[in-house]
């Protein structure tokens, strides 16, 4: 039975990677998150296919040798995804945390107990290079506010101290490895004993350039499986990810690895236990069709919205194995299943949450109208590695729009709509690569991309809301103040 983590008017279930909530001033014992998967080491293409239930491209490194170190291939961005028609965007994220029933930091609830802490650290994901976007991390500006007062502000710095706090950008785990899916983490730490506040707000303004993508399907489809290790960016996609292969235990509220047998059985049946009979691009197309048009039926709400609908409260997802068994799922659930089956088949893939920059997007001879609650949406990216050329490309797959294409299997040797080439990708702005930060932090209610650590102890009650909006960068200065209306500027 999946965990029930309902968020209602200021009272939320607690999501933990590092402990169990016991009250405002309790200090939860540390608990370990799931261990990262070993780096993906594909077998040579001429070897026999793996037996049913095995993942062909996942051969663990020899953990018994403490001196073992993977020599990652040195790669550059490849020629298979062309970025055209650039658009510069300023993405604004506002995270509001309130200790009572109100979420507006300008109107703190007088009936709620304040947050009382000696230190607080908040983590928010920062997305690097994607198939359609290049970020300007050096231009990122942020503000951490307590009841409307700026406590930390400015761009990312190299270091932070209690006396001179700054935001910092963490690019790698303590082990030196990339974070899962090659995400980066922004971190804001404020330390002052006895701090009291009823409302905390984090605002992050991220500048990036998005591009329309043109995919060289004919040549990309010829790229075969590597005989050596994946590049580091691709191997990071096989690390444990929330709702893909791990989730919340409903009893202990710890992160727990899923039983992946439904995913393994589906991949074995669909590929006849031989996924490498197809090249990576053709296999990705095939699996997208199987998931979108045969395995699942969209119809479940999987994202929680506040009032107004622009206030995002979190993701209410089933987890990939249960979603595949349930069949009637949400659009985001469908993305978790697609990533899970691609990874099981040996393909490095990741789920991208992004924001649709405009209310409407041109798509060939028609216009797609995005409802406000549809503008925060998902797509999948395949990491295409050309071992001979030492290149890689993130190939965008808009499985959501692919749902509206023909329901019969198309020719794998021909270009597919919404696979690689996306005419409106220059309006797609990446926001996150996981539902929850892949580090030792905690969160409340439905996962909503962020996490935190508060000492001593953690609050038992909290309201959260995330407001995401975007504007063209040249019309929005980097120091834009909060969007008081809580509505996207384009509305």
Protein backbone atom coordinates (compact mmCIF):
# COMPACT_ATOMS: atom_id res chain seq x y z
CA UNK A 1 0.00 0.00 0.00
CA UNK A 2 1.45 3.35 -0.99
CA UNK A 3 2.12 6.01 1.67
CA UNK A 4 -0.59 8.59 2.26
CA UNK A 5 1.07 11.97 2.66
CA UNK A 6 -1.77 14.45 2.52
CA UNK A 7 -1.18 18.17 2.89
CA UNK A 8 -4.11 20.06 4.34
CA UNK A 9 -4.22 23.63 5.63
CA UNK A 10 -0.96 23.76 7.49
CA UNK A 11 -0.75 20.18 8.78
CA UNK A 12 1.47 17.87 6.81
CA UNK A 13 2.95 14.41 6.95
CA UNK A 14 6.73 14.55 7.19
CA UNK A 15 9.06 13.22 4.51
CA UNK A 16 12.39 12.16 5.93
CA UNK A 17 15.69 11.12 4.47
CA UNK A 18 17.54 11.63 7.72
CA UNK A 19 15.22 11.11 10.67
CA UNK A 20 11.76 10.77 12.18
CA UNK A 21 9.86 13.78 13.50
CA UNK A 22 9.01 13.63 17.20
CA UNK A 23 8.13 17.27 17.85
CA UNK A 24 9.32 20.84 17.64
CA UNK A 25 12.35 20.36 19.89
CA UNK A 26 13.14 16.68 19.37
CA UNK A 27 16.39 15.77 17.67
CA UNK A 28 15.73 12.82 15.32
CA UNK A 29 18.37 10.11 15.07
CA UNK A 30 20.18 10.07 11.74
CA UNK A 31 19.14 7.42 9.24
CA UNK A 32 20.85 6.55 6.02
CA UNK A 33 19.22 7.19 2.64
CA UNK A 34 19.42 4.43 0.03
CA UNK A 35 22.95 3.78 -1.09
CA UNK A 36 23.76 4.97 -4.60
CA UNK A 37 23.77 2.31 -7.25
CA UNK A 38 27.19 1.29 -8.58
CA UNK A 39 28.33 3.02 -11.74
CA UNK A 40 26.76 1.53 -14.83
CA UNK A 41 29.20 -0.68 -16.73
CA UNK A 42 27.63 -2.05 -19.92
CA UNK A 43 28.64 -5.44 -21.22
CA UNK A 44 30.11 -5.59 -24.72
CA UNK A 45 27.39 -5.63 -27.37
CA UNK A 46 28.41 -9.06 -28.64
CA UNK A 47 27.80 -10.77 -25.31
CA UNK A 48 24.59 -12.77 -24.82
CA UNK A 49 21.56 -10.91 -23.55
CA UNK A 50 20.96 -10.93 -19.81
CA UNK A 51 18.51 -13.39 -18.34
CA UNK A 52 14.98 -12.32 -17.40
CA UNK A 53 14.98 -10.02 -14.38
CA UNK A 54 18.48 -8.65 -14.96
CA UNK A 55 19.43 -5.21 -16.20
CA UNK A 56 21.82 -5.66 -19.12
CA UNK A 57 23.69 -2.38 -18.72
CA UNK A 58 24.16 -2.50 -14.96
CA UNK A 59 27.26 -4.46 -14.00
CA UNK A 60 28.47 -3.46 -10.53
CA UNK A 61 32.00 -2.27 -9.98
CA UNK A 62 34.11 -4.59 -7.76
CA UNK A 63 33.13 -3.13 -4.39
CA UNK A 64 35.52 -5.45 -2.56
CA UNK A 65 38.48 -3.48 -3.93
CA UNK A 66 38.70 -0.22 -1.91
CA UNK A 67 41.13 1.21 -4.46
CA UNK A 68 38.80 0.68 -7.40
CA UNK A 69 38.09 3.88 -9.31
CA UNK A 70 36.07 4.22 -12.48
CA UNK A 71 37.86 5.94 -15.32
CA UNK A 72 35.05 7.95 -16.84
CA UNK A 73 35.27 8.59 -20.57
CA UNK A 74 36.01 12.22 -21.40
CA UNK A 75 33.14 13.47 -23.51
CA UNK A 76 31.83 16.62 -25.15
CA UNK A 77 28.37 17.55 -26.35
CA UNK A 78 27.58 15.64 -29.54
CA UNK A 79 26.11 16.49 -32.95
CA UNK A 80 22.78 14.65 -32.74
CA UNK A 81 20.66 17.36 -31.07
CA UNK A 82 20.91 20.80 -32.66
CA UNK A 83 19.84 23.76 -30.54
CA UNK A 84 18.19 26.52 -32.58
CA UNK A 85 16.13 29.70 -32.08
CA UNK A 86 17.36 30.59 -28.57
CA UNK A 87 15.18 32.35 -26.02
CA UNK A 88 16.58 33.80 -22.81
CA UNK A 89 14.42 33.23 -19.75
CA UNK A 90 14.34 34.35 -16.14
CA UNK A 91 12.78 31.61 -14.01
CA UNK A 92 11.49 32.74 -10.62
CA UNK A 93 10.88 30.23 -7.84
CA UNK A 94 9.32 31.30 -4.54
CA UNK A 95 9.16 28.76 -1.70
CA UNK A 96 6.90 29.84 1.17
CA UNK A 97 7.00 27.98 4.50
CA UNK A 98 4.65 28.96 7.30
CA UNK A 99 4.32 27.54 10.79
CA UNK A 100 0.52 27.88 10.76
CA UNK A 101 -2.46 28.02 8.46
CA UNK A 102 -1.39 30.97 6.31
CA UNK A 103 1.22 30.81 3.59
CA UNK A 104 1.50 34.53 2.84
CA UNK A 105 4.75 35.68 4.54
CA UNK A 106 3.37 39.24 4.77
CA UNK A 107 0.46 38.02 6.94
CA UNK A 108 1.88 35.62 9.56
CA UNK A 109 -0.65 33.74 11.64
CA UNK A 110 -0.79 35.03 15.21
CA UNK A 111 -2.33 31.75 16.41
CA UNK A 112 0.55 29.52 15.33
CA UNK A 113 3.72 28.63 17.16
CA UNK A 114 6.78 30.15 15.48
CA UNK A 115 9.70 28.20 14.14
CA UNK A 116 12.39 28.23 16.85
CA UNK A 117 15.85 27.11 15.78
CA UNK A 118 19.59 27.63 16.05
CA UNK A 119 20.26 26.86 12.41
CA UNK A 120 18.31 26.11 9.25
CA UNK A 121 19.53 24.85 5.88
CA UNK A 122 17.30 24.84 2.79
CA UNK A 123 18.18 22.99 -0.41
CA UNK A 124 16.73 23.71 -3.87
CA UNK A 125 17.76 21.94 -7.14
CA UNK A 126 19.69 23.77 -9.84
CA UNK A 127 19.52 22.13 -13.27
CA UNK A 128 22.60 22.17 -15.49
CA UNK A 129 22.84 21.34 -19.18
CA UNK A 130 19.76 19.67 -20.68
CA UNK A 131 18.74 18.69 -24.18
CA UNK A 132 17.07 22.05 -24.75
CA UNK A 133 18.56 24.43 -22.19
CA UNK A 134 21.82 25.98 -21.00
CA UNK A 135 21.74 27.66 -17.56
CA UNK A 136 23.62 30.74 -16.40
CA UNK A 137 24.38 29.60 -12.85
CA UNK A 138 26.74 32.52 -12.23
CA UNK A 139 23.82 34.91 -12.76
CA UNK A 140 21.50 33.18 -10.28
CA UNK A 141 20.21 35.54 -7.58
CA UNK A 142 18.43 34.49 -4.40
CA UNK A 143 16.93 35.78 -1.17
CA UNK A 144 16.22 33.94 2.08
CA UNK A 145 13.66 35.91 4.12
CA UNK A 146 12.19 35.56 7.60
CA UNK A 147 8.80 37.32 7.85
CA UNK A 148 9.74 39.47 4.86
CA UNK A 149 13.22 40.47 6.07
CA UNK A 150 16.24 39.53 3.92
CA UNK A 151 18.61 37.29 5.90
CA UNK A 152 20.72 35.95 3.00
CA UNK A 153 20.86 37.39 -0.50
CA UNK A 154 23.00 37.50 -3.60
CA UNK A 155 24.53 35.10 -6.14
CA UNK A 156 26.18 31.78 -5.35
CA UNK A 157 29.47 32.18 -3.49
CA UNK A 158 32.39 29.81 -3.02
CA UNK A 159 31.82 29.49 0.73
CA UNK A 160 29.56 30.57 3.56
CA UNK A 161 30.14 31.20 7.28
CA UNK A 162 27.75 31.88 10.19
CA UNK A 163 28.99 35.46 10.38
CA UNK A 164 28.88 36.05 6.63
CA UNK A 165 26.25 33.73 5.12
CA UNK A 166 25.96 33.29 1.36
CA UNK A 167 24.17 30.86 -0.95
CA UNK A 168 26.45 28.11 -2.24
CA UNK A 169 26.12 25.73 -5.19
CA UNK A 170 27.03 22.09 -4.59
CA UNK A 171 27.96 20.23 -7.75
CA UNK A 172 29.05 16.85 -6.36
CA UNK A 173 28.41 14.51 -3.47
CA UNK A 174 30.95 14.13 -0.64
CA UNK A 175 32.26 11.02 -2.44
CA UNK A 176 33.19 13.15 -5.45
CA UNK A 177 30.47 11.59 -7.64
CA UNK A 178 27.83 13.55 -9.48
CA UNK A 179 24.42 13.76 -7.86
CA UNK A 180 21.75 11.51 -9.40
CA UNK A 181 20.80 12.65 -12.90
CA UNK A 182 23.65 15.21 -12.76
CA UNK A 183 21.58 17.72 -10.77
CA UNK A 184 23.22 20.46 -8.69
CA UNK A 185 21.98 21.69 -5.32
CA UNK A 186 21.71 25.28 -4.13
CA UNK A 187 22.13 25.54 -0.36
CA UNK A 188 21.15 28.36 2.01
CA UNK A 189 22.29 28.09 5.66
CA UNK A 190 21.41 30.57 8.39
CA UNK A 191 22.83 30.10 11.89
CA UNK A 192 21.83 32.15 14.93
CA UNK A 193 20.85 30.54 18.26
CA UNK A 194 17.30 31.16 19.37
CA UNK A 195 15.97 32.44 16.02
CA UNK A 196 12.16 32.75 15.98
CA UNK A 197 9.98 33.32 12.91
CA UNK A 198 6.54 32.29 11.71
CA UNK A 199 7.32 32.48 8.00
CA UNK A 200 10.33 31.58 5.87
CA UNK A 201 10.58 32.45 2.19
CA UNK A 202 13.22 31.44 -0.34
CA UNK A 203 13.20 33.22 -3.69
CA UNK A 204 15.53 32.05 -6.48
CA UNK A 205 15.84 33.76 -9.86
CA UNK A 206 17.59 31.57 -12.44
CA UNK A 207 18.58 32.79 -15.89
CA UNK A 208 18.87 30.28 -18.73
CA UNK A 209 18.60 29.98 -22.48
CA UNK A 210 16.17 27.48 -24.00
CA UNK A 211 16.32 26.28 -27.59
CA UNK A 212 14.14 24.63 -30.17
CA UNK A 213 15.63 21.16 -30.73
CA UNK A 214 16.27 19.45 -34.06
CA UNK A 215 17.19 15.78 -33.83
CA UNK A 216 19.36 13.96 -36.37
CA UNK A 217 17.29 10.80 -36.11
CA UNK A 218 18.86 8.95 -39.04
CA UNK A 219 22.43 9.12 -37.71
CA UNK A 220 21.50 8.94 -34.03
CA UNK A 221 19.61 5.70 -34.66
CA UNK A 222 22.86 4.13 -35.87
CA UNK A 223 24.70 4.80 -32.60
CA UNK A 224 25.19 1.45 -30.89
CA UNK A 225 25.70 0.32 -27.33
CA UNK A 226 29.04 1.16 -25.69
CA UNK A 227 31.48 -1.63 -24.94
CA UNK A 228 33.11 0.28 -22.09
CA UNK A 229 31.72 2.38 -19.23
CA UNK A 230 29.14 5.08 -19.70
CA UNK A 231 30.33 8.65 -19.26
CA UNK A 232 29.83 10.04 -15.79
CA UNK A 233 26.78 12.09 -16.79
CA UNK A 234 25.01 8.98 -18.08
CA UNK A 235 26.05 6.76 -15.16
CA UNK A 236 24.52 9.29 -12.74
CA UNK A 237 21.10 8.45 -14.22
CA UNK A 238 21.29 4.94 -12.71
CA UNK A 239 21.52 6.25 -9.13
CA UNK A 240 18.47 5.76 -6.85
CA UNK A 241 15.76 8.34 -7.47
CA UNK A 242 12.56 9.04 -5.57
CA UNK A 243 9.46 7.60 -7.26
CA UNK A 244 11.64 5.76 -9.81
CA UNK A 245 13.13 3.01 -7.66
CA UNK A 246 12.68 4.27 -4.08
CA UNK A 247 10.02 6.02 -2.02
CA UNK A 248 8.62 6.72 1.42
CA UNK A 249 7.91 3.88 3.83
CA UNK A 250 4.39 4.59 5.22
CA UNK A 251 5.36 3.37 8.70
CA UNK A 252 8.87 4.69 9.35
CA UNK A 253 8.78 7.59 6.84
CA UNK A 254 12.26 6.54 5.72
CA UNK A 255 13.33 6.27 2.11
CA UNK A 256 13.03 2.65 1.00
CA UNK A 257 13.94 0.84 -2.20
CA UNK A 258 10.95 -0.39 -4.23
CA UNK A 259 10.30 -3.95 -5.31
CA UNK A 260 11.13 -3.50 -9.00
CA UNK A 261 9.81 -6.87 -10.20
CA UNK A 262 6.85 -5.35 -12.11
CA UNK A 263 9.28 -3.15 -14.05
CA UNK A 264 11.71 -6.01 -14.71
CA UNK A 265 8.94 -8.32 -15.85
CA UNK A 266 7.50 -5.72 -18.23
CA UNK A 267 10.86 -4.99 -19.84
CA UNK A 268 11.64 -8.70 -20.19
CA UNK A 269 8.27 -9.33 -21.84
CA UNK A 270 8.41 -6.31 -24.15
CA UNK A 271 12.00 -6.94 -25.30
CA UNK A 272 11.96 -10.75 -25.08
CA UNK A 273 14.81 -10.37 -22.59
CA UNK A 274 17.02 -8.92 -25.31
CA UNK A 275 16.78 -5.10 -25.21
CA UNK A 276 20.09 -4.75 -27.03
CA UNK A 277 18.59 -6.15 -30.18
CA UNK A 278 17.73 -2.49 -30.86
CA UNK A 279 20.05 0.51 -30.80
CA UNK A 280 19.55 2.88 -27.85
CA UNK A 281 17.50 5.41 -29.85
CA UNK A 282 15.22 2.77 -31.38
CA UNK A 283 14.81 1.07 -27.99
CA UNK A 284 13.87 4.39 -26.36
CA UNK A 285 11.20 4.98 -29.02
CA UNK A 286 9.85 1.48 -28.62
CA UNK A 287 9.64 1.73 -24.82
CA UNK A 288 7.98 5.16 -25.00
CA UNK A 289 5.26 3.69 -27.20
CA UNK A 290 4.76 0.66 -24.94
CA UNK A 291 4.43 2.80 -21.81
CA UNK A 292 2.33 5.62 -23.26
CA UNK A 293 -0.01 3.75 -25.61
CA UNK A 294 -0.25 0.24 -24.17
CA UNK A 295 0.74 -0.01 -20.50
CA UNK A 296 -0.84 3.04 -18.87
CA UNK A 297 -4.07 5.06 -18.95
CA UNK A 298 -3.76 8.70 -17.84
CA UNK A 299 -6.54 10.02 -15.68
CA UNK A 300 -5.30 10.45 -12.11
CA UNK A 301 -4.36 13.81 -10.60
CA UNK A 302 -0.76 13.53 -9.39
CA UNK A 303 0.04 17.17 -8.62
CA UNK A 304 -1.46 19.12 -5.72
CA UNK A 305 -2.31 22.78 -6.29
CA UNK A 306 -3.33 25.50 -3.87
CA UNK A 307 -5.48 28.59 -4.31
CA UNK A 308 -4.83 30.24 -6.70
CA UNK A 309 -3.89 27.30 -8.93
CA UNK A 310 -0.44 28.81 -9.49
CA UNK A 311 0.57 27.73 -5.96
CA UNK A 312 2.18 24.29 -6.28
CA UNK A 313 1.86 22.18 -3.12
CA UNK A 314 3.66 19.02 -4.19
CA UNK A 315 3.62 15.74 -6.09
CA UNK A 316 1.27 12.91 -5.12
CA UNK A 317 2.88 10.08 -7.08
CA UNK A 318 2.46 6.32 -6.87
CA UNK A 319 6.03 5.26 -7.61
CA UNK A 320 6.97 3.54 -10.86
CA UNK A 321 6.29 -0.14 -9.94
CA UNK A 322 2.86 0.55 -8.41
CA UNK A 323 1.96 2.95 -11.22
CA UNK A 324 2.67 0.22 -13.78
CA UNK A 325 0.49 -2.23 -11.85
CA UNK A 326 -2.30 0.31 -11.26
CA UNK A 327 -2.35 1.41 -14.92
CA UNK A 328 -4.68 4.40 -14.43
CA UNK A 329 -2.16 7.04 -13.48
CA UNK A 330 -1.25 10.70 -13.73
CA UNK A 331 0.91 12.17 -16.45
CA UNK A 332 3.88 12.52 -14.08
CA UNK A 333 3.41 8.92 -12.90
CA UNK A 334 3.69 7.96 -16.56
CA UNK A 335 7.07 9.68 -16.72
CA UNK A 336 8.38 7.77 -13.70
CA UNK A 337 7.39 4.48 -15.34
CA UNK A 338 9.05 5.45 -18.62
CA UNK A 339 12.30 6.34 -16.86
CA UNK A 340 12.16 3.15 -14.79
CA UNK A 341 11.69 0.85 -17.79
CA UNK A 342 14.37 2.68 -19.79
CA UNK A 343 16.84 2.29 -16.93
CA UNK A 344 15.88 -1.38 -16.52
CA UNK A 345 16.57 -1.90 -20.22
CA UNK A 346 20.01 -0.34 -19.77
CA UNK A 347 19.29 3.17 -21.08
CA UNK A 348 20.49 6.16 -19.04
CA UNK A 349 17.38 8.31 -18.67
CA UNK A 350 16.09 11.02 -16.38
CA UNK A 351 12.82 12.83 -15.69
CA UNK A 352 12.84 16.61 -16.14
CA UNK A 353 10.30 18.86 -14.44
CA UNK A 354 9.99 22.13 -16.29
CA UNK A 355 7.89 25.23 -16.72
CA UNK A 356 6.16 26.12 -19.98
CA UNK A 357 7.09 29.73 -20.62
CA UNK A 358 3.99 30.80 -22.53
CA UNK A 359 0.28 30.10 -22.22
CA UNK A 360 0.34 28.84 -25.82
CA UNK A 361 3.05 27.22 -27.95
CA UNK A 362 3.29 26.79 -31.69
CA UNK A 363 3.54 23.14 -32.69
CA UNK A 364 3.73 22.86 -36.46
CA UNK A 365 0.41 23.97 -37.93
CA UNK A 366 -1.40 24.15 -34.61
CA UNK A 367 -1.17 25.89 -31.26
CA UNK A 368 -1.04 24.11 -27.91
CA UNK A 369 -2.92 25.94 -25.18
CA UNK A 370 -1.44 25.25 -21.74
CA UNK A 371 -3.77 25.58 -18.78
CA UNK A 372 -2.18 27.22 -15.70
CA UNK A 373 -1.85 23.87 -13.92
CA UNK A 374 -0.29 22.32 -17.06
CA UNK A 375 2.58 24.77 -17.27
CA UNK A 376 4.54 22.85 -14.64
CA UNK A 377 5.08 19.67 -16.63
CA UNK A 378 7.46 16.78 -17.30
CA UNK A 379 9.43 15.25 -20.10
CA UNK A 380 12.09 12.54 -20.24
CA UNK A 381 15.67 12.79 -21.49
CA UNK A 382 17.78 9.96 -22.90
CA UNK A 383 21.54 10.28 -22.58
CA UNK A 384 22.81 9.23 -26.03
CA UNK A 385 26.49 8.27 -25.82
CA UNK A 386 28.54 7.83 -28.98
CA UNK A 387 31.54 5.85 -27.76
CA UNK A 388 33.42 6.21 -31.04
CA UNK A 389 33.11 10.00 -31.17
CA UNK A 390 33.36 10.43 -27.37
CA UNK A 391 30.24 12.58 -27.35
CA UNK A 392 26.92 12.60 -25.54
CA UNK A 393 23.58 14.32 -26.08
CA UNK A 394 20.55 14.70 -23.87
CA UNK A 395 17.67 13.75 -26.17
CA UNK A 396 14.31 15.25 -25.05
CA UNK A 397 11.24 12.99 -25.23
CA UNK A 398 7.92 14.75 -24.66
CA UNK A 399 5.92 11.66 -23.80
CA UNK A 400 3.02 13.84 -22.63
CA UNK A 401 2.39 15.24 -26.13
CA UNK A 402 3.26 11.89 -27.69
CA UNK A 403 0.08 10.55 -26.07
CA UNK A 404 -1.92 12.36 -28.76
CA UNK A 405 -0.18 10.68 -31.71
CA UNK A 406 -1.20 7.57 -33.62
CA UNK A 407 -1.91 4.57 -31.38
CA UNK A 408 -0.20 2.05 -33.68
CA UNK A 409 3.52 1.32 -33.46
CA UNK A 410 5.37 3.53 -35.92
CA UNK A 411 8.45 2.69 -37.96
CA UNK A 412 11.45 2.71 -35.61
CA UNK A 413 13.69 3.69 -38.52
CA UNK A 414 11.83 6.96 -39.08
CA UNK A 415 11.69 10.17 -37.01
CA UNK A 416 8.96 10.19 -34.38
CA UNK A 417 6.99 13.23 -33.26
CA UNK A 418 8.05 14.64 -29.90
CA UNK A 419 11.18 12.48 -29.83
CA UNK A 420 14.30 14.64 -30.07
CA UNK A 421 12.83 17.32 -32.34
CA UNK A 422 10.48 19.59 -30.36
CA UNK A 423 9.31 22.77 -32.03
CA UNK A 424 8.34 24.51 -28.77
CA UNK A 425 11.34 23.41 -26.68
CA UNK A 426 12.60 27.01 -26.59
CA UNK A 427 9.58 27.71 -24.34
CA UNK A 428 10.43 24.83 -21.96
CA UNK A 429 12.44 25.91 -18.90
CA UNK A 430 13.90 23.12 -16.70
CA UNK A 431 13.11 23.39 -12.97
CA UNK A 432 14.17 20.11 -11.31
CA UNK A 433 15.43 16.59 -12.02
CA UNK A 434 13.99 14.88 -8.93
CA UNK A 435 10.83 15.21 -6.87
CA UNK A 436 12.99 15.53 -3.75
CA UNK A 437 16.65 16.52 -3.28
CA UNK A 438 19.00 13.51 -3.42
CA UNK A 439 20.75 14.35 -0.16
CA UNK A 440 20.21 14.09 3.61
CA UNK A 441 17.36 16.53 4.11
CA UNK A 442 13.69 16.36 5.07
CA UNK A 443 10.43 17.77 3.78
CA UNK A 444 6.70 17.90 4.47
CA UNK A 445 3.54 16.63 2.84
CA UNK A 446 3.88 15.96 -0.84
CA UNK A 447 7.46 16.22 -2.16
CA UNK A 448 7.93 19.63 -3.79
CA UNK A 449 11.56 19.64 -5.03
CA UNK A 450 12.98 21.28 -1.87
CA UNK A 451 14.26 19.93 1.43
CA UNK A 452 15.67 21.29 4.68
CA UNK A 453 17.41 20.59 7.96
CA UNK A 454 16.48 22.56 11.09
CA UNK A 455 18.34 22.29 14.39
CA UNK A 456 17.51 21.52 17.10
CA UNK A 457 14.65 19.27 16.09
CA UNK A 458 12.08 19.73 13.37
CA UNK A 459 8.61 21.32 13.40
CA UNK A 460 5.66 18.93 13.31
CA UNK A 461 3.34 21.34 11.47
CA UNK A 462 4.16 23.35 8.39
CA UNK A 463 2.45 24.80 5.33
CA UNK A 464 4.39 24.80 2.07
CA UNK A 465 3.71 26.39 -1.29
CA UNK A 466 5.93 26.81 -4.33
CA UNK A 467 5.15 29.52 -6.87
CA UNK A 468 6.94 29.18 -10.22
CA UNK A 469 6.82 31.77 -12.98
CA UNK A 470 8.97 32.86 -15.91
CA UNK A 471 9.50 35.89 -18.09
CA UNK A 472 11.79 36.74 -20.97
CA UNK A 473 15.14 37.62 -19.44
CA UNK A 474 15.57 40.95 -21.22
CA UNK A 475 12.28 42.20 -19.73
CA UNK A 476 12.92 41.01 -16.17
CA UNK A 477 15.96 42.23 -14.18
CA UNK A 478 17.86 39.65 -12.15
CA UNK A 479 16.92 41.44 -8.93
CA UNK A 480 13.16 41.19 -9.45
CA UNK A 481 11.30 41.39 -6.17
CA UNK A 482 8.65 38.85 -5.12
CA UNK A 483 5.64 38.28 -7.34
CA UNK A 484 3.01 39.38 -4.80
CA UNK A 485 0.12 38.26 -6.97
CA UNK A 486 1.35 34.65 -6.87
CA UNK A 487 0.40 34.42 -10.56
CA UNK A 488 2.78 33.89 -13.50
CA UNK A 489 3.75 37.19 -15.22
CA UNK A 490 2.37 35.90 -18.53
CA UNK A 491 -1.18 35.50 -17.17
